[in-house]
């Protein structure tokens, strides 16, 4: 989720977690810790179980089929809804590009009435169609978008690193928008961890590699390398990007963003940019956000396919295209849930609600994956023996236990923050939306598992092996 992770979330956190102030960059770095531990767990388990739908397989074999479903369904819910939330925020950036190019009428139209959600829905379903064509089609689109995204992101880093707070004050002086005196924001551990939990969402994405693992060449070797390399490169880019923006723009300015607006890197750096320069950076942000969508759709559709193939979800989800071998019904269902994300974002008028749902969902997912790393050797030793990454048992235990501990801390703090927030209707509480969808999905799963047990009896042997490639 590179686009939202760099252009929005490091700045939106100043609004959603008031008081983080100057501690935002340390919190961003700290947020990488649980994600790194989860990445290690994913890499180790992927080396032993290189199949499509990785997180479901990892937890179902390492813990229990139902816990595997809970882990991966939580992931499916969180990522699908945030796909809609990301799609909903993209028109803001497209509007900024149009405005920078002098098309103020077009800029206003993109955000007017039903146009914005219609653009979001067009993006969602356009990428559903792309994924239906198969992984090769996705890769042909992904690489050019990534090159543009990193190139324009590098401009932000250069602009931010080349200016400081004094430059910002000088640039704002002609407009009469002077800066208020620097505020003191003392360190508070609860606020720090709460902000880190939100920023943790920025590091989500490497898990998508494992979901399509069966489509890679030599997956037992390629998947761990791809997961860790992706995490290292992208994390470095995230931190450099955020540090550059905060080097140029005082955190007080970011924190003063009205609650109904979304602070973005391009808007914050506007005083240093010409209209054309701002349009270019805003275009880079739009490209980065658009680039988020196909990978997340690929990931979530493979999860549904894995459930149905394993018999713990209705069989229709395993339906594949006869020629392209893509899970077409799973892609359509994932697109439908992303549509729910667009509707929720439009009704709430907030991108942050989708992010909060994803944070809860992925903390639960990563926690169970780390626990699966700990339990797999005792539950299914033959599968654990296939690990080529973290093959040393002690190393696995250290990574798994550390991951469970840190992720539990993040989850507890985030849930407490969610429950303390005041809402007028239940669906404004992200935790409630996540819980409601989880309850429905888990009920469907339990019915299918009961049917499977009625047909086959003891399922121990079935869930001790991997499905065929």
Protein backbone atom coordinates (compact mmCIF):
# COMPACT_ATOMS: atom_id res chain seq x y z
CA UNK A 1 0.00 0.00 0.00
CA UNK A 2 2.80 2.35 -0.98
CA UNK A 3 0.71 5.29 -2.21
CA UNK A 4 -1.35 5.91 0.91
CA UNK A 5 1.58 4.86 3.10
CA UNK A 6 3.74 7.80 2.07
CA UNK A 7 1.42 10.50 0.76
CA UNK A 8 -1.29 10.41 3.44
CA UNK A 9 -0.86 8.22 6.53
CA UNK A 10 2.32 9.79 8.03
CA UNK A 11 0.53 13.15 8.02
CA UNK A 12 -3.04 12.05 8.71
CA UNK A 13 -1.82 10.52 11.98
CA UNK A 14 -1.32 14.04 13.37
CA UNK A 15 -5.09 14.49 13.04
CA UNK A 16 -6.27 11.02 14.06
CA UNK A 17 -3.88 10.70 17.03
CA UNK A 18 -3.61 14.23 18.47
CA UNK A 19 -0.52 14.81 20.54
CA UNK A 20 1.95 12.69 18.58
CA UNK A 21 3.52 15.95 17.34
CA UNK A 22 7.31 15.79 16.93
CA UNK A 23 7.38 12.10 17.88
CA UNK A 24 5.80 11.04 14.59
CA UNK A 25 9.03 9.91 12.90
CA UNK A 26 10.21 7.79 15.86
CA UNK A 27 6.69 6.31 15.98
CA UNK A 28 6.93 5.57 12.25
CA UNK A 29 10.22 3.74 12.78
CA UNK A 30 8.80 1.85 15.77
CA UNK A 31 5.78 0.83 13.68
CA UNK A 32 8.15 -1.07 11.41
CA UNK A 33 9.07 -3.48 14.24
CA UNK A 34 5.89 -5.59 14.37
CA UNK A 35 5.67 -5.50 10.58
CA UNK A 36 9.29 -6.70 10.31
CA UNK A 37 8.65 -9.58 12.72
CA UNK A 38 5.54 -10.51 10.74
CA UNK A 39 7.55 -10.33 7.51
CA UNK A 40 10.08 -12.79 8.95
CA UNK A 41 7.24 -15.12 9.96
CA UNK A 42 5.65 -14.85 6.51
CA UNK A 43 8.99 -15.55 4.83
CA UNK A 44 9.66 -18.62 6.97
CA UNK A 45 6.18 -20.08 6.52
CA UNK A 46 6.18 -19.29 2.79
CA UNK A 47 9.37 -21.31 2.37
CA UNK A 48 7.56 -24.33 3.85
CA UNK A 49 4.13 -23.78 2.26
CA UNK A 50 4.54 -22.07 -1.13
CA UNK A 51 0.93 -22.08 -2.26
CA UNK A 52 -1.64 -19.48 -3.25
CA UNK A 53 -3.54 -18.07 -0.27
CA UNK A 54 -0.47 -18.12 1.97
CA UNK A 55 -1.82 -16.64 5.20
CA UNK A 56 -4.79 -19.01 5.26
CA UNK A 57 -2.53 -22.02 4.76
CA UNK A 58 0.02 -20.79 7.30
CA UNK A 59 -2.49 -20.41 10.13
CA UNK A 60 -4.72 -23.36 9.19
CA UNK A 61 -1.76 -25.76 9.24
CA UNK A 62 0.10 -24.08 12.09
CA UNK A 63 -2.90 -23.56 14.39
CA UNK A 64 -6.34 -24.82 13.31
CA UNK A 65 -8.45 -24.59 10.13
CA UNK A 66 -10.86 -22.16 11.79
CA UNK A 67 -8.04 -19.96 13.08
CA UNK A 68 -6.59 -20.03 9.59
CA UNK A 69 -9.90 -18.79 8.27
CA UNK A 70 -10.20 -16.10 10.97
CA UNK A 71 -6.66 -14.85 10.24
CA UNK A 72 -7.13 -14.69 6.50
CA UNK A 73 -10.76 -13.54 6.51
CA UNK A 74 -9.71 -10.68 8.78
CA UNK A 75 -7.05 -9.84 6.21
CA UNK A 76 -9.58 -10.09 3.39
CA UNK A 77 -12.02 -7.76 5.16
CA UNK A 78 -9.38 -5.17 6.04
CA UNK A 79 -7.67 -5.08 2.66
CA UNK A 80 -10.89 -5.19 0.65
CA UNK A 81 -12.42 -2.28 2.55
CA UNK A 82 -9.24 -0.23 2.35
CA UNK A 83 -9.13 -0.84 -1.41
CA UNK A 84 -12.40 1.08 -1.54
CA UNK A 85 -11.07 3.76 0.83
CA UNK A 86 -7.93 4.25 -1.27
CA UNK A 87 -9.98 4.41 -4.46
CA UNK A 88 -12.20 7.03 -2.82
CA UNK A 89 -9.26 9.32 -1.98
CA UNK A 90 -7.69 9.12 -5.46
CA UNK A 91 -10.08 11.73 -6.98
CA UNK A 92 -8.70 14.26 -4.48
CA UNK A 93 -5.28 13.88 -6.09
CA UNK A 94 -6.64 13.81 -9.64
CA UNK A 95 -8.48 17.03 -8.83
CA UNK A 96 -5.21 18.53 -7.57
CA UNK A 97 -3.50 17.65 -10.85
CA UNK A 98 -6.29 19.29 -12.85
CA UNK A 99 -6.14 22.40 -10.68
CA UNK A 100 -2.36 22.63 -11.06
CA UNK A 101 -2.77 22.49 -14.82
CA UNK A 102 -5.33 25.30 -14.74
CA UNK A 103 -8.48 23.21 -15.23
CA UNK A 104 -10.34 24.46 -12.17
CA UNK A 105 -13.72 23.43 -13.55
CA UNK A 106 -12.61 19.84 -14.03
CA UNK A 107 -10.96 19.87 -10.61
CA UNK A 108 -14.19 20.87 -8.93
CA UNK A 109 -16.28 18.42 -10.92
CA UNK A 110 -14.20 15.44 -9.76
CA UNK A 111 -15.15 16.11 -6.14
CA UNK A 112 -18.73 17.16 -6.79
CA UNK A 113 -21.72 15.06 -5.74
CA UNK A 114 -21.72 11.49 -7.05
CA UNK A 115 -18.73 11.98 -9.37
CA UNK A 116 -16.12 11.18 -6.72
CA UNK A 117 -17.55 7.79 -5.69
CA UNK A 118 -18.20 6.95 -9.35
CA UNK A 119 -14.52 7.56 -10.15
CA UNK A 120 -13.59 5.35 -7.19
CA UNK A 121 -15.88 2.56 -8.37
CA UNK A 122 -14.50 2.80 -11.91
CA UNK A 123 -10.99 2.33 -10.52
CA UNK A 124 -11.98 -0.65 -8.38
CA UNK A 125 -13.77 -2.49 -11.14
CA UNK A 126 -11.21 -1.55 -13.76
CA UNK A 127 -8.54 -3.31 -11.73
CA UNK A 128 -10.83 -6.25 -11.05
CA UNK A 129 -11.03 -6.64 -14.83
CA UNK A 130 -7.24 -6.35 -15.11
CA UNK A 131 -6.68 -9.06 -12.52
CA UNK A 132 -9.15 -11.31 -14.30
CA UNK A 133 -6.69 -11.32 -17.20
CA UNK A 134 -4.05 -12.98 -14.99
CA UNK A 135 -0.80 -12.25 -13.19
CA UNK A 136 1.16 -11.45 -16.37
CA UNK A 137 -1.25 -8.64 -17.24
CA UNK A 138 -0.94 -7.32 -13.70
CA UNK A 139 2.87 -7.33 -13.87
CA UNK A 140 2.87 -5.41 -17.16
CA UNK A 141 0.89 -2.64 -15.49
CA UNK A 142 2.69 -2.75 -12.15
CA UNK A 143 6.28 -2.13 -13.24
CA UNK A 144 5.68 1.10 -15.22
CA UNK A 145 3.50 2.47 -12.42
CA UNK A 146 6.17 1.66 -9.83
CA UNK A 147 8.89 3.41 -11.83
CA UNK A 148 6.80 6.57 -12.15
CA UNK A 149 5.85 6.40 -8.47
CA UNK A 150 9.42 6.14 -7.20
CA UNK A 151 10.70 8.81 -9.60
CA UNK A 152 8.11 11.37 -8.55
CA UNK A 153 8.47 10.32 -4.92
CA UNK A 154 12.18 11.09 -5.21
CA UNK A 155 11.25 14.67 -6.17
CA UNK A 156 9.39 14.99 -2.86
CA UNK A 157 12.44 13.74 -0.97
CA UNK A 158 14.72 16.23 -2.74
CA UNK A 159 12.33 19.16 -2.21
CA UNK A 160 11.76 18.31 1.44
CA UNK A 161 15.42 17.70 2.22
CA UNK A 162 16.37 20.96 0.50
CA UNK A 163 14.17 23.16 2.70
CA UNK A 164 13.67 23.62 6.42
CA UNK A 165 11.14 25.21 8.76
CA UNK A 166 12.64 28.67 8.32
CA UNK A 167 12.15 28.35 4.57
CA UNK A 168 8.55 27.34 5.16
CA UNK A 169 7.92 30.40 7.36
CA UNK A 170 9.50 32.65 4.74
CA UNK A 171 7.43 31.10 1.95
CA UNK A 172 4.21 31.58 3.91
CA UNK A 173 4.95 35.17 5.00
CA UNK A 174 3.72 36.90 1.78
CA UNK A 175 0.29 35.32 2.18
CA UNK A 176 0.02 36.54 5.76
CA UNK A 177 -0.28 32.99 7.03
CA UNK A 178 2.38 33.24 9.68
CA UNK A 179 3.33 30.32 11.85
CA UNK A 180 2.26 30.16 15.47
CA UNK A 181 4.87 29.69 18.13
CA UNK A 182 6.24 26.19 18.40
CA UNK A 183 4.12 23.99 20.64
CA UNK A 184 5.47 21.58 23.22
CA UNK A 185 4.30 18.00 22.85
CA UNK A 186 5.67 15.92 25.71
CA UNK A 187 6.27 12.24 25.11
CA UNK A 188 3.34 10.03 26.11
CA UNK A 189 3.79 6.30 25.70
CA UNK A 190 0.09 5.57 25.05
CA UNK A 191 -0.10 8.25 22.36
CA UNK A 192 3.18 7.02 20.89
CA UNK A 193 1.98 3.42 20.61
CA UNK A 194 -1.45 4.50 19.35
CA UNK A 195 0.22 6.51 16.57
CA UNK A 196 2.59 3.63 15.81
CA UNK A 197 -0.42 1.32 15.44
CA UNK A 198 -1.91 3.64 12.81
CA UNK A 199 1.45 4.05 11.08
CA UNK A 200 1.85 0.26 11.13
CA UNK A 201 -0.70 0.19 8.32
CA UNK A 202 1.90 1.78 6.05
CA UNK A 203 4.03 -1.36 6.11
CA UNK A 204 1.27 -3.70 4.99
CA UNK A 205 1.69 -5.11 1.51
CA UNK A 206 4.53 -7.63 1.60
CA UNK A 207 1.94 -10.24 2.60
CA UNK A 208 0.41 -9.95 -0.89
CA UNK A 209 3.45 -11.78 -2.25
CA UNK A 210 2.61 -14.88 -0.21
CA UNK A 211 -1.04 -14.94 -1.30
CA UNK A 212 -0.13 -15.58 -4.94
CA UNK A 213 2.81 -17.81 -4.07
CA UNK A 214 1.73 -20.74 -6.20
CA UNK A 215 2.09 -18.58 -9.32
CA UNK A 216 5.78 -17.76 -8.73
CA UNK A 217 8.73 -19.71 -10.12
CA UNK A 218 10.61 -21.77 -7.51
CA UNK A 219 8.39 -20.30 -4.77
CA UNK A 220 10.15 -21.96 -1.81
CA UNK A 221 13.26 -19.91 -2.59
CA UNK A 222 11.75 -16.88 -4.32
CA UNK A 223 9.03 -15.98 -1.80
CA UNK A 224 11.20 -15.37 1.30
CA UNK A 225 13.62 -13.27 -0.74
CA UNK A 226 10.82 -11.26 -2.34
CA UNK A 227 9.06 -10.64 0.98
CA UNK A 228 12.16 -9.41 2.81
CA UNK A 229 13.55 -7.42 -0.12
CA UNK A 230 10.20 -5.70 -0.62
CA UNK A 231 9.97 -4.86 3.07
CA UNK A 232 13.52 -3.47 3.24
CA UNK A 233 13.34 -1.31 0.10
CA UNK A 234 9.86 0.04 0.68
CA UNK A 235 10.44 0.74 4.39
CA UNK A 236 13.54 2.78 3.60
CA UNK A 237 11.62 4.74 1.00
CA UNK A 238 8.73 5.38 3.43
CA UNK A 239 10.94 6.72 6.19
CA UNK A 240 13.00 8.89 3.82
CA UNK A 241 9.85 10.35 2.28
CA UNK A 242 8.18 11.19 5.61
CA UNK A 243 11.41 12.56 7.09
CA UNK A 244 11.88 14.85 4.08
CA UNK A 245 8.38 16.32 4.35
CA UNK A 246 8.68 16.91 8.10
CA UNK A 247 12.12 18.44 7.54
CA UNK A 248 10.48 21.14 5.43
CA UNK A 249 7.07 21.48 7.10
CA UNK A 250 6.62 21.98 10.88
CA UNK A 251 4.53 19.30 12.52
CA UNK A 252 2.34 22.04 14.00
CA UNK A 253 1.18 22.91 10.48
CA UNK A 254 0.28 19.29 9.76
CA UNK A 255 -1.54 18.91 13.09
CA UNK A 256 -3.62 22.03 12.36
CA UNK A 257 -5.32 20.34 9.39
CA UNK A 258 -9.12 20.48 9.86
CA UNK A 259 -10.65 17.15 10.87
CA UNK A 260 -12.73 16.96 7.67
CA UNK A 261 -9.68 17.35 5.41
CA UNK A 262 -6.88 14.95 4.50
CA UNK A 263 -3.32 16.29 4.78
CA UNK A 264 -1.14 15.18 1.86
CA UNK A 265 2.53 15.52 1.03
CA UNK A 266 1.87 17.53 -2.13
CA UNK A 267 -0.39 20.03 -0.33
CA UNK A 268 2.07 20.45 2.55
CA UNK A 269 4.98 21.14 0.19
CA UNK A 270 2.95 23.51 -2.00
CA UNK A 271 4.74 26.68 -0.72
CA UNK A 272 7.98 25.40 -2.28
CA UNK A 273 6.50 24.38 -5.61
CA UNK A 274 5.35 26.04 -8.80
CA UNK A 275 1.82 25.15 -9.95
CA UNK A 276 3.34 22.75 -12.49
CA UNK A 277 5.65 21.24 -9.89
CA UNK A 278 2.78 20.70 -7.51
CA UNK A 279 0.77 19.10 -10.31
CA UNK A 280 3.67 16.72 -11.02
CA UNK A 281 4.01 15.64 -7.39
CA UNK A 282 0.25 15.31 -7.02
CA UNK A 283 0.24 13.19 -10.18
CA UNK A 284 2.92 11.03 -8.60
CA UNK A 285 0.72 10.58 -5.55
CA UNK A 286 -2.24 9.64 -7.75
CA UNK A 287 -0.10 7.10 -9.62
CA UNK A 288 1.14 5.65 -6.32
CA UNK A 289 -2.39 5.32 -4.97
CA UNK A 290 -3.66 3.78 -8.20
CA UNK A 291 -0.73 1.37 -8.05
CA UNK A 292 -1.97 0.16 -4.65
CA UNK A 293 -5.19 -1.25 -6.05
CA UNK A 294 -4.24 -4.17 -8.35
CA UNK A 295 -1.81 -5.75 -5.88
CA UNK A 296 -4.30 -5.68 -3.02
CA UNK A 297 -7.05 -7.10 -5.23
CA UNK A 298 -4.68 -9.87 -6.32
CA UNK A 299 -3.90 -10.68 -2.70
CA UNK A 300 -7.45 -10.81 -1.36
CA UNK A 301 -8.84 -12.83 -4.25
CA UNK A 302 -6.24 -15.55 -3.71
CA UNK A 303 -7.34 -15.83 -0.09
CA UNK A 304 -10.93 -16.64 -1.07
CA UNK A 305 -9.70 -19.14 -3.62
CA UNK A 306 -7.61 -20.89 -0.94
CA UNK A 307 -10.57 -21.20 1.47
CA UNK A 308 -12.85 -22.74 -1.14
CA UNK A 309 -10.16 -25.06 -2.48
CA UNK A 310 -9.58 -26.33 1.07
CA UNK A 311 -13.30 -26.91 1.62
CA UNK A 312 -13.84 -24.34 4.39
CA UNK A 313 -15.82 -21.86 2.27
CA UNK A 314 -18.50 -22.25 -0.43
CA UNK A 315 -17.14 -23.90 -3.57
CA UNK A 316 -18.12 -21.02 -5.87
CA UNK A 317 -15.15 -19.02 -4.55
CA UNK A 318 -12.75 -21.55 -6.13
CA UNK A 319 -14.17 -21.09 -9.62
CA UNK A 320 -11.35 -20.19 -12.04
CA UNK A 321 -11.23 -18.97 -15.62
CA UNK A 322 -10.75 -22.04 -17.87
CA UNK A 323 -7.89 -20.46 -19.84
CA UNK A 324 -6.28 -17.79 -17.65
CA UNK A 325 -6.67 -19.79 -14.41
CA UNK A 326 -7.56 -16.67 -12.43
CA UNK A 327 -10.06 -16.98 -9.52
CA UNK A 328 -12.82 -15.02 -11.20
CA UNK A 329 -15.58 -15.43 -8.61
CA UNK A 330 -13.19 -14.55 -5.78
CA UNK A 331 -12.10 -11.43 -7.66
CA UNK A 332 -15.71 -10.39 -8.20
CA UNK A 333 -16.53 -10.93 -4.51
CA UNK A 334 -13.46 -8.94 -3.48
CA UNK A 335 -14.51 -6.14 -5.80
CA UNK A 336 -17.94 -6.17 -4.17
CA UNK A 337 -16.41 -5.78 -0.69
CA UNK A 338 -14.20 -2.96 -2.01
CA UNK A 339 -17.40 -1.33 -3.25
CA UNK A 340 -18.65 -1.45 0.34
CA UNK A 341 -15.43 0.35 1.29
CA UNK A 342 -16.21 3.11 -1.23
CA UNK A 343 -19.75 3.48 0.13
CA UNK A 344 -18.55 3.58 3.75
CA UNK A 345 -15.91 6.19 2.91
CA UNK A 346 -18.41 8.34 1.03
CA UNK A 347 -21.01 8.17 3.80
CA UNK A 348 -18.42 8.96 6.50
CA UNK A 349 -16.53 11.48 4.37
CA UNK A 350 -13.31 10.04 5.77
CA UNK A 351 -10.47 7.94 4.40
CA UNK A 352 -9.27 7.25 7.95
CA UNK A 353 -12.18 4.92 8.80
CA UNK A 354 -11.02 2.43 6.20
CA UNK A 355 -7.46 2.63 7.51
CA UNK A 356 -8.64 1.94 11.06
CA UNK A 357 -10.55 -1.14 9.91
CA UNK A 358 -7.46 -2.39 8.12
CA UNK A 359 -5.25 -1.80 11.18
CA UNK A 360 -7.44 -3.99 13.39
CA UNK A 361 -7.76 -6.63 10.68
CA UNK A 362 -4.06 -6.87 9.92
CA UNK A 363 -2.92 -6.79 13.55
CA UNK A 364 -5.13 -9.84 14.13
CA UNK A 365 -3.80 -11.49 10.98
CA UNK A 366 -0.12 -10.88 11.72
CA UNK A 367 -0.52 -11.95 15.35
CA UNK A 368 -1.98 -15.31 14.31
CA UNK A 369 0.70 -15.78 11.64
CA UNK A 370 3.45 -15.25 14.23
CA UNK A 371 1.68 -17.69 16.56
CA UNK A 372 1.51 -20.21 13.70
CA UNK A 373 5.29 -19.93 13.30
CA UNK A 374 5.66 -20.92 16.96
CA UNK A 375 3.15 -23.78 16.88
CA UNK A 376 3.76 -25.38 13.47
CA UNK A 377 6.72 -27.58 14.58
CA UNK A 378 4.64 -29.25 17.29
CA UNK A 379 1.40 -29.42 15.32
CA UNK A 380 2.82 -30.62 11.99
CA UNK A 381 6.58 -31.38 12.22
CA UNK A 382 6.76 -32.57 8.61
CA UNK A 383 5.67 -29.19 7.30
CA UNK A 384 8.01 -27.34 9.67
CA UNK A 385 10.90 -29.45 8.40
CA UNK A 386 10.35 -27.98 4.91
CA UNK A 387 11.36 -24.49 6.06
CA UNK A 388 14.45 -23.18 4.32
CA UNK A 389 14.25 -19.73 5.93
CA UNK A 390 14.56 -19.53 9.73
CA UNK A 391 15.27 -23.24 9.62
CA UNK A 392 16.86 -23.10 13.09
CA UNK A 393 14.10 -23.89 15.65
CA UNK A 394 15.36 -21.41 18.24
CA UNK A 395 15.36 -18.57 15.69
CA UNK A 396 11.77 -19.40 14.76
CA UNK A 397 10.68 -19.34 18.40
CA UNK A 398 12.36 -16.00 19.08
CA UNK A 399 10.81 -14.35 16.03
CA UNK A 400 7.38 -15.86 16.64
CA UNK A 401 7.15 -15.05 20.34
CA UNK A 402 8.50 -11.53 19.84
CA UNK A 403 5.97 -10.98 17.06
CA UNK A 404 3.05 -12.20 19.16
CA UNK A 405 4.13 -9.98 22.07
CA UNK A 406 4.59 -6.75 20.09
CA UNK A 407 1.51 -7.26 17.93
CA UNK A 408 -0.61 -7.96 21.02
CA UNK A 409 0.56 -4.67 22.52
CA UNK A 410 -0.30 -2.75 19.36
CA UNK A 411 -3.70 -4.44 19.09
CA UNK A 412 -4.60 -3.75 22.73
CA UNK A 413 -3.69 -0.06 22.46
CA UNK A 414 -5.50 0.37 19.15
CA UNK A 415 -8.67 -1.35 20.38
CA UNK A 416 -8.69 0.76 23.54
CA UNK A 417 -8.39 3.90 21.40
CA UNK A 418 -11.22 2.72 19.15
CA UNK A 419 -13.54 1.96 22.05
CA UNK A 420 -12.90 5.33 23.69
CA UNK A 421 -13.91 7.29 20.56
CA UNK A 422 -17.38 8.86 20.57
CA UNK A 423 -19.68 7.89 17.69
CA UNK A 424 -23.34 8.57 16.89
CA UNK A 425 -24.12 5.31 15.03
CA UNK A 426 -22.48 1.90 15.34
CA UNK A 427 -21.05 1.75 11.82
CA UNK A 428 -18.95 4.85 12.50
CA UNK A 429 -16.85 2.67 14.80
CA UNK A 430 -14.34 0.74 12.62
CA UNK A 431 -14.04 -2.04 15.19
CA UNK A 432 -17.79 -2.65 15.00
CA UNK A 433 -17.78 -2.84 11.18
CA UNK A 434 -14.87 -5.28 11.26
CA UNK A 435 -16.57 -7.38 13.94
CA UNK A 436 -19.90 -7.53 12.12
CA UNK A 437 -18.36 -8.70 8.84
CA UNK A 438 -16.12 -11.15 10.71
CA UNK A 439 -19.14 -12.67 12.47
CA UNK A 440 -21.00 -13.23 9.18
CA UNK A 441 -17.98 -14.71 7.40
CA UNK A 442 -17.05 -16.97 10.30
CA UNK A 443 -20.61 -18.31 10.47
CA UNK A 444 -20.46 -19.22 6.76
CA UNK A 445 -17.09 -20.89 7.37
CA UNK A 446 -18.35 -22.94 10.32
CA UNK A 447 -21.29 -24.22 8.27
CA UNK A 448 -18.95 -25.29 5.45
CA UNK A 449 -16.53 -26.90 7.92
CA UNK A 450 -19.42 -28.83 9.46
CA UNK A 451 -20.46 -30.05 6.00
CA UNK A 452 -16.88 -31.08 5.23
CA UNK A 453 -16.59 -33.00 8.50
CA UNK A 454 -19.92 -34.73 7.81
CA UNK A 455 -18.63 -35.88 4.41
CA UNK A 456 -15.10 -36.89 5.35
CA UNK A 457 -15.11 -37.56 9.09
CA UNK A 458 -11.78 -36.90 10.78
CA UNK A 459 -10.08 -33.94 9.06
CA UNK A 460 -6.70 -34.23 10.78
CA UNK A 461 -4.91 -35.74 7.78
CA UNK A 462 -6.51 -33.28 5.35
CA UNK A 463 -5.15 -30.26 7.22
CA UNK A 464 -1.73 -31.78 7.81
CA UNK A 465 -0.76 -31.54 4.14
CA UNK A 466 -0.72 -28.86 1.46
CA UNK A 467 -3.21 -28.65 -1.40
CA UNK A 468 -1.95 -29.62 -4.83
CA UNK A 469 -0.26 -26.88 -6.86
